[in-house]
Amino acid sequence: MNPLFEKFFSVGNIKVGPTILSPFNVDGDILGSIQIYSTNKDFFLEKKVTGVVIRELNNNITEELYSALKYLSIDKVQFDYFINQLYIFEWESAPNPKPNLDRFKNRVYIYEKFGF
């Protein structure tokens, strides 16, 4: 994704589903999650692990991770694109039943306009 990101963080477990329905549908239903771990050079994450909640319309990250991305000059849209590609790759090989990605994919492919 980005050499700076890889210097401080590594991607851990990618969990596909189950779909968790969002009662207010603000960011869409929850489709899964991806763990982010600190490398030995990381000084951003206090607990040395955080996660990204994969949602249909907008991924959720902690304020701590968001601050780290800003400090490293990594755009959240670029980060989301990378994370979403990892999630789609894992989703393709996951056993059924798995979440419906119709709304998610419509959002993900918007990033191609930005050249990511």
N, C-alpha and C. Protein backbone atom coordinates (compact mmCIF):
# COMPACT_ATOMS: atom_id res chain seq x y z
N MET A 1 0.82 -1.19 0.00
CA MET A 1 0.00 0.00 0.00
C MET A 1 0.86 1.25 0.00
N ASN A 2 1.59 1.42 1.06
CA ASN A 2 2.42 2.60 1.24
C ASN A 2 3.59 2.16 2.11
N PRO A 3 4.82 2.45 1.69
CA PRO A 3 5.98 2.02 2.48
C PRO A 3 5.95 2.51 3.93
N LEU A 4 5.45 3.71 4.16
CA LEU A 4 5.36 4.21 5.53
C LEU A 4 4.37 3.40 6.36
N PHE A 5 3.23 3.07 5.76
CA PHE A 5 2.24 2.26 6.47
C PHE A 5 2.86 0.92 6.85
N GLU A 6 3.54 0.30 5.90
CA GLU A 6 4.14 -1.02 6.13
C GLU A 6 5.28 -0.97 7.14
N LYS A 7 5.88 0.18 7.32
CA LYS A 7 6.94 0.32 8.31
C LYS A 7 6.38 0.26 9.73
N PHE A 8 5.17 0.82 9.92
CA PHE A 8 4.59 0.93 11.25
C PHE A 8 3.49 -0.08 11.56
N PHE A 9 2.87 -0.65 10.51
CA PHE A 9 1.71 -1.52 10.71
C PHE A 9 1.76 -2.74 9.80
N SER A 10 1.06 -3.78 10.21
CA SER A 10 0.86 -4.95 9.36
C SER A 10 -0.61 -5.36 9.45
N VAL A 11 -1.07 -6.00 8.41
CA VAL A 11 -2.46 -6.44 8.35
C VAL A 11 -2.56 -7.82 8.96
N GLY A 12 -3.56 -7.99 9.80
CA GLY A 12 -3.79 -9.28 10.46
C GLY A 12 -5.00 -9.99 9.91
N ASN A 13 -5.76 -10.58 10.78
CA ASN A 13 -6.92 -11.39 10.43
C ASN A 13 -7.97 -10.57 9.67
N ILE A 14 -8.48 -11.15 8.59
CA ILE A 14 -9.56 -10.56 7.82
C ILE A 14 -10.79 -11.42 8.04
N LYS A 15 -11.82 -10.82 8.61
CA LYS A 15 -13.04 -11.56 8.94
C LYS A 15 -14.15 -11.16 7.97
N VAL A 16 -14.71 -12.15 7.29
CA VAL A 16 -15.81 -11.93 6.35
C VAL A 16 -17.10 -12.34 7.03
N GLY A 17 -18.03 -11.39 7.19
CA GLY A 17 -19.34 -11.66 7.76
C GLY A 17 -19.28 -12.03 9.21
N PRO A 18 -20.39 -12.38 9.80
CA PRO A 18 -21.72 -12.31 9.20
C PRO A 18 -22.17 -10.86 9.05
N THR A 19 -23.14 -10.63 8.19
CA THR A 19 -23.69 -9.30 8.02
C THR A 19 -24.41 -8.88 9.30
N ILE A 20 -24.07 -7.72 9.78
CA ILE A 20 -24.74 -7.16 10.95
C ILE A 20 -25.53 -5.95 10.45
N LEU A 21 -26.83 -6.03 10.55
CA LEU A 21 -27.70 -4.97 10.05
C LEU A 21 -27.57 -3.73 10.90
N SER A 22 -27.45 -2.60 10.24
CA SER A 22 -27.35 -1.32 10.93
C SER A 22 -28.75 -0.74 11.09
N PRO A 23 -29.17 -0.50 12.33
CA PRO A 23 -30.53 0.00 12.54
C PRO A 23 -30.76 1.38 11.94
N PHE A 24 -29.74 2.21 11.89
CA PHE A 24 -29.91 3.57 11.36
C PHE A 24 -29.39 3.69 9.93
N ASN A 25 -28.66 2.68 9.47
CA ASN A 25 -28.14 2.60 8.10
C ASN A 25 -27.31 3.83 7.71
N VAL A 26 -26.63 4.42 8.67
CA VAL A 26 -25.82 5.60 8.39
C VAL A 26 -24.64 5.25 7.48
N ASP A 27 -23.87 4.26 7.86
CA ASP A 27 -22.71 3.84 7.06
C ASP A 27 -22.95 2.49 6.40
N GLY A 28 -24.17 2.02 6.42
CA GLY A 28 -24.50 0.73 5.84
C GLY A 28 -24.27 -0.40 6.84
N ASP A 29 -24.65 -1.59 6.41
CA ASP A 29 -24.50 -2.77 7.26
C ASP A 29 -23.02 -3.13 7.43
N ILE A 30 -22.71 -3.79 8.54
CA ILE A 30 -21.34 -4.25 8.80
C ILE A 30 -21.14 -5.57 8.06
N LEU A 31 -20.05 -5.66 7.30
CA LEU A 31 -19.77 -6.83 6.48
C LEU A 31 -18.61 -7.67 6.99
N GLY A 32 -17.80 -7.10 7.87
CA GLY A 32 -16.64 -7.82 8.38
C GLY A 32 -15.65 -6.87 9.03
N SER A 33 -14.44 -7.34 9.23
CA SER A 33 -13.42 -6.51 9.87
C SER A 33 -12.03 -6.98 9.46
N ILE A 34 -11.08 -6.08 9.66
CA ILE A 34 -9.67 -6.39 9.40
C ILE A 34 -8.86 -5.85 10.58
N GLN A 35 -8.00 -6.70 11.12
CA GLN A 35 -7.14 -6.29 12.22
C GLN A 35 -5.87 -5.64 11.68
N ILE A 36 -5.43 -4.61 12.38
CA ILE A 36 -4.18 -3.92 12.06
C ILE A 36 -3.29 -4.03 13.29
N TYR A 37 -2.06 -4.52 13.09
CA TYR A 37 -1.11 -4.69 14.18
C TYR A 37 0.05 -3.72 14.04
N SER A 38 0.62 -3.38 15.16
CA SER A 38 1.82 -2.54 15.18
C SER A 38 3.04 -3.37 14.82
N THR A 39 3.97 -2.75 14.14
CA THR A 39 5.29 -3.35 14.00
C THR A 39 6.12 -2.87 15.18
N ASN A 40 7.34 -3.31 15.28
CA ASN A 40 8.16 -2.89 16.42
C ASN A 40 8.55 -1.41 16.33
N LYS A 41 8.30 -0.76 15.19
CA LYS A 41 8.63 0.66 15.04
C LYS A 41 7.46 1.58 15.33
N ASP A 42 6.28 0.99 15.53
CA ASP A 42 5.08 1.80 15.73
C ASP A 42 5.06 2.45 17.11
N PHE A 43 4.74 3.73 17.13
CA PHE A 43 4.54 4.44 18.38
C PHE A 43 3.16 5.10 18.42
N PHE A 44 2.30 4.77 17.46
CA PHE A 44 0.98 5.38 17.35
C PHE A 44 -0.09 4.66 18.18
N LEU A 45 -0.08 3.34 18.12
CA LEU A 45 -1.15 2.56 18.75
C LEU A 45 -0.76 2.15 20.16
N GLU A 46 -1.51 2.61 21.11
CA GLU A 46 -1.22 2.31 22.51
C GLU A 46 -1.33 0.82 22.80
N LYS A 47 -2.38 0.17 22.30
CA LYS A 47 -2.59 -1.25 22.56
C LYS A 47 -1.94 -2.16 21.52
N LYS A 48 -1.29 -1.57 20.53
CA LYS A 48 -0.54 -2.29 19.49
C LYS A 48 -1.42 -3.11 18.55
N VAL A 49 -2.73 -2.94 18.64
CA VAL A 49 -3.65 -3.60 17.72
C VAL A 49 -4.91 -2.73 17.61
N THR A 50 -5.44 -2.66 16.43
CA THR A 50 -6.69 -1.95 16.20
C THR A 50 -7.41 -2.67 15.06
N GLY A 51 -8.51 -2.16 14.67
CA GLY A 51 -9.26 -2.81 13.61
C GLY A 51 -9.94 -1.82 12.70
N VAL A 52 -10.30 -2.33 11.54
CA VAL A 52 -11.10 -1.59 10.58
C VAL A 52 -12.41 -2.34 10.45
N VAL A 53 -13.51 -1.65 10.68
CA VAL A 53 -14.82 -2.26 10.50
C VAL A 53 -15.25 -1.99 9.07
N ILE A 54 -15.46 -3.07 8.32
CA ILE A 54 -15.86 -2.95 6.92
C ILE A 54 -17.37 -2.79 6.87
N ARG A 55 -17.80 -1.65 6.33
CA ARG A 55 -19.22 -1.37 6.20
C ARG A 55 -19.53 -1.09 4.74
N GLU A 56 -20.78 -1.17 4.40
CA GLU A 56 -21.19 -0.99 3.01
C GLU A 56 -20.82 0.37 2.44
N LEU A 57 -21.00 1.42 3.22
CA LEU A 57 -20.85 2.77 2.68
C LEU A 57 -19.63 3.53 3.18
N ASN A 58 -19.06 3.11 4.30
CA ASN A 58 -17.91 3.81 4.85
C ASN A 58 -17.24 2.93 5.90
N ASN A 59 -15.95 2.67 5.74
CA ASN A 59 -15.22 1.89 6.75
C ASN A 59 -15.03 2.74 8.00
N ASN A 60 -15.06 2.08 9.15
CA ASN A 60 -14.84 2.77 10.42
C ASN A 60 -13.48 2.39 10.99
N ILE A 61 -12.73 3.40 11.40
CA ILE A 61 -11.45 3.18 12.06
C ILE A 61 -11.44 4.00 13.35
N THR A 62 -10.52 3.66 14.23
CA THR A 62 -10.41 4.40 15.49
C THR A 62 -9.78 5.77 15.23
N GLU A 63 -10.02 6.67 16.16
CA GLU A 63 -9.41 7.99 16.08
C GLU A 63 -7.88 7.88 16.13
N GLU A 64 -7.39 6.92 16.89
CA GLU A 64 -5.95 6.69 17.02
C GLU A 64 -5.33 6.32 15.67
N LEU A 65 -5.98 5.40 14.93
CA LEU A 65 -5.47 5.01 13.61
C LEU A 65 -5.62 6.16 12.62
N TYR A 66 -6.73 6.88 12.70
CA TYR A 66 -6.94 8.02 11.81
C TYR A 66 -5.83 9.07 12.01
N SER A 67 -5.50 9.34 13.25
CA SER A 67 -4.42 10.29 13.55
C SER A 67 -3.08 9.81 13.00
N ALA A 68 -2.83 8.51 13.11
CA ALA A 68 -1.58 7.94 12.57
C ALA A 68 -1.53 8.11 11.05
N LEU A 69 -2.64 7.85 10.38
CA LEU A 69 -2.69 8.01 8.92
C LEU A 69 -2.42 9.46 8.54
N LYS A 70 -3.03 10.39 9.25
CA LYS A 70 -2.81 11.80 8.97
C LYS A 70 -1.34 12.16 9.18
N TYR A 71 -0.76 11.69 10.27
CA TYR A 71 0.65 11.98 10.58
C TYR A 71 1.57 11.45 9.48
N LEU A 72 1.22 10.27 8.94
CA LEU A 72 2.04 9.65 7.89
C LEU A 72 1.66 10.15 6.49
N SER A 73 0.75 11.10 6.41
CA SER A 73 0.27 11.66 5.13
C SER A 73 -0.33 10.59 4.23
N ILE A 74 -1.08 9.68 4.82
CA ILE A 74 -1.79 8.65 4.07
C ILE A 74 -3.26 9.06 4.04
N ASP A 75 -3.76 9.30 2.85
CA ASP A 75 -5.14 9.71 2.67
C ASP A 75 -6.09 8.59 3.07
N LYS A 76 -7.16 8.91 3.79
CA LYS A 76 -8.13 7.90 4.23
C LYS A 76 -8.77 7.18 3.03
N VAL A 77 -9.01 7.89 1.94
CA VAL A 77 -9.58 7.26 0.75
C VAL A 77 -8.62 6.22 0.19
N GLN A 78 -7.34 6.55 0.12
CA GLN A 78 -6.34 5.60 -0.35
C GLN A 78 -6.24 4.40 0.60
N PHE A 79 -6.28 4.65 1.89
CA PHE A 79 -6.24 3.58 2.88
C PHE A 79 -7.45 2.67 2.72
N ASP A 80 -8.64 3.26 2.60
CA ASP A 80 -9.86 2.48 2.41
C ASP A 80 -9.80 1.63 1.15
N TYR A 81 -9.27 2.19 0.08
CA TYR A 81 -9.15 1.43 -1.16
C TYR A 81 -8.30 0.17 -0.94
N PHE A 82 -7.16 0.32 -0.30
CA PHE A 82 -6.28 -0.80 -0.01
C PHE A 82 -6.99 -1.84 0.86
N ILE A 83 -7.61 -1.39 1.94
CA ILE A 83 -8.32 -2.28 2.85
C ILE A 83 -9.46 -2.99 2.14
N ASN A 84 -10.21 -2.27 1.33
CA ASN A 84 -11.35 -2.86 0.62
C ASN A 84 -10.90 -3.92 -0.37
N GLN A 85 -9.77 -3.70 -1.02
CA GLN A 85 -9.26 -4.71 -1.95
C GLN A 85 -8.87 -5.98 -1.20
N LEU A 86 -8.27 -5.83 -0.04
CA LEU A 86 -7.94 -7.00 0.78
C LEU A 86 -9.21 -7.75 1.20
N TYR A 87 -10.23 -7.00 1.59
CA TYR A 87 -11.48 -7.61 2.02
C TYR A 87 -12.14 -8.36 0.86
N ILE A 88 -12.18 -7.76 -0.32
CA ILE A 88 -12.79 -8.41 -1.49
C ILE A 88 -12.04 -9.70 -1.82
N PHE A 89 -10.72 -9.66 -1.77
CA PHE A 89 -9.91 -10.85 -2.04
C PHE A 89 -10.27 -11.98 -1.08
N GLU A 90 -10.39 -11.65 0.20
CA GLU A 90 -10.75 -12.65 1.21
C GLU A 90 -12.19 -13.12 1.03
N TRP A 91 -13.09 -12.20 0.71
CA TRP A 91 -14.51 -12.52 0.50
C TRP A 91 -14.67 -13.54 -0.62
N GLU A 92 -13.89 -13.37 -1.69
CA GLU A 92 -13.99 -14.28 -2.84
C GLU A 92 -13.68 -15.72 -2.47
N SER A 93 -12.79 -15.93 -1.52
CA SER A 93 -12.42 -17.29 -1.15
C SER A 93 -13.16 -17.80 0.10
N ALA A 94 -14.01 -16.96 0.68
CA ALA A 94 -14.74 -17.35 1.89
C ALA A 94 -15.89 -18.31 1.55
N PRO A 95 -16.19 -19.23 2.46
CA PRO A 95 -17.31 -20.15 2.22
C PRO A 95 -18.65 -19.42 2.35
N ASN A 96 -19.66 -19.99 1.73
CA ASN A 96 -21.02 -19.44 1.87
C ASN A 96 -21.59 -19.87 3.20
N PRO A 97 -22.52 -19.15 3.78
CA PRO A 97 -23.05 -17.87 3.32
C PRO A 97 -22.07 -16.74 3.64
N LYS A 98 -22.06 -15.75 2.79
CA LYS A 98 -21.22 -14.58 2.99
C LYS A 98 -22.03 -13.32 2.66
N PRO A 99 -21.58 -12.18 3.15
CA PRO A 99 -22.34 -10.95 2.96
C PRO A 99 -22.53 -10.60 1.48
N ASN A 100 -23.65 -9.95 1.21
CA ASN A 100 -23.93 -9.41 -0.12
C ASN A 100 -23.10 -8.13 -0.26
N LEU A 101 -22.34 -8.03 -1.33
CA LEU A 101 -21.45 -6.88 -1.52
C LEU A 101 -21.93 -5.89 -2.57
N ASP A 102 -23.17 -5.95 -2.98
CA ASP A 102 -23.65 -5.06 -4.05
C ASP A 102 -23.43 -3.58 -3.73
N ARG A 103 -23.91 -3.13 -2.60
CA ARG A 103 -23.74 -1.71 -2.22
C ARG A 103 -22.27 -1.39 -1.96
N PHE A 104 -21.56 -2.30 -1.35
CA PHE A 104 -20.14 -2.12 -1.05
C PHE A 104 -19.33 -1.94 -2.33
N LYS A 105 -19.57 -2.81 -3.31
CA LYS A 105 -18.81 -2.73 -4.56
C LYS A 105 -19.09 -1.44 -5.32
N ASN A 106 -20.31 -0.94 -5.26
CA ASN A 106 -20.60 0.34 -5.91
C ASN A 106 -19.74 1.45 -5.31
N ARG A 107 -19.54 1.42 -4.01
CA ARG A 107 -18.70 2.42 -3.35
C ARG A 107 -17.22 2.19 -3.67
N VAL A 108 -16.80 0.96 -3.64
CA VAL A 108 -15.39 0.64 -3.84
C VAL A 108 -14.91 1.06 -5.22
N TYR A 109 -15.70 0.84 -6.23
CA TYR A 109 -15.24 1.14 -7.59
C TYR A 109 -15.24 2.62 -7.90
N ILE A 110 -15.81 3.44 -7.04
CA ILE A 110 -15.71 4.88 -7.20
C ILE A 110 -14.24 5.29 -7.09
N TYR A 111 -13.47 4.58 -6.28
CA TYR A 111 -12.05 4.92 -6.07
C TYR A 111 -11.23 4.84 -7.36
N GLU A 112 -11.68 4.05 -8.31
CA GLU A 112 -10.92 3.94 -9.55
C GLU A 112 -10.85 5.28 -10.27
N LYS A 113 -11.81 6.15 -10.05
CA LYS A 113 -11.79 7.49 -10.64
C LYS A 113 -10.60 8.30 -10.14
N PHE A 114 -10.14 7.98 -8.92
CA PHE A 114 -9.02 8.70 -8.32
C PHE A 114 -7.67 8.11 -8.72
N GLY A 115 -7.68 7.03 -9.48
CA GLY A 115 -6.43 6.43 -9.91
C GLY A 115 -5.79 5.52 -8.91
N PHE A 116 -6.53 5.04 -7.93
CA PHE A 116 -5.97 4.12 -6.93
C PHE A 116 -6.01 2.72 -7.44
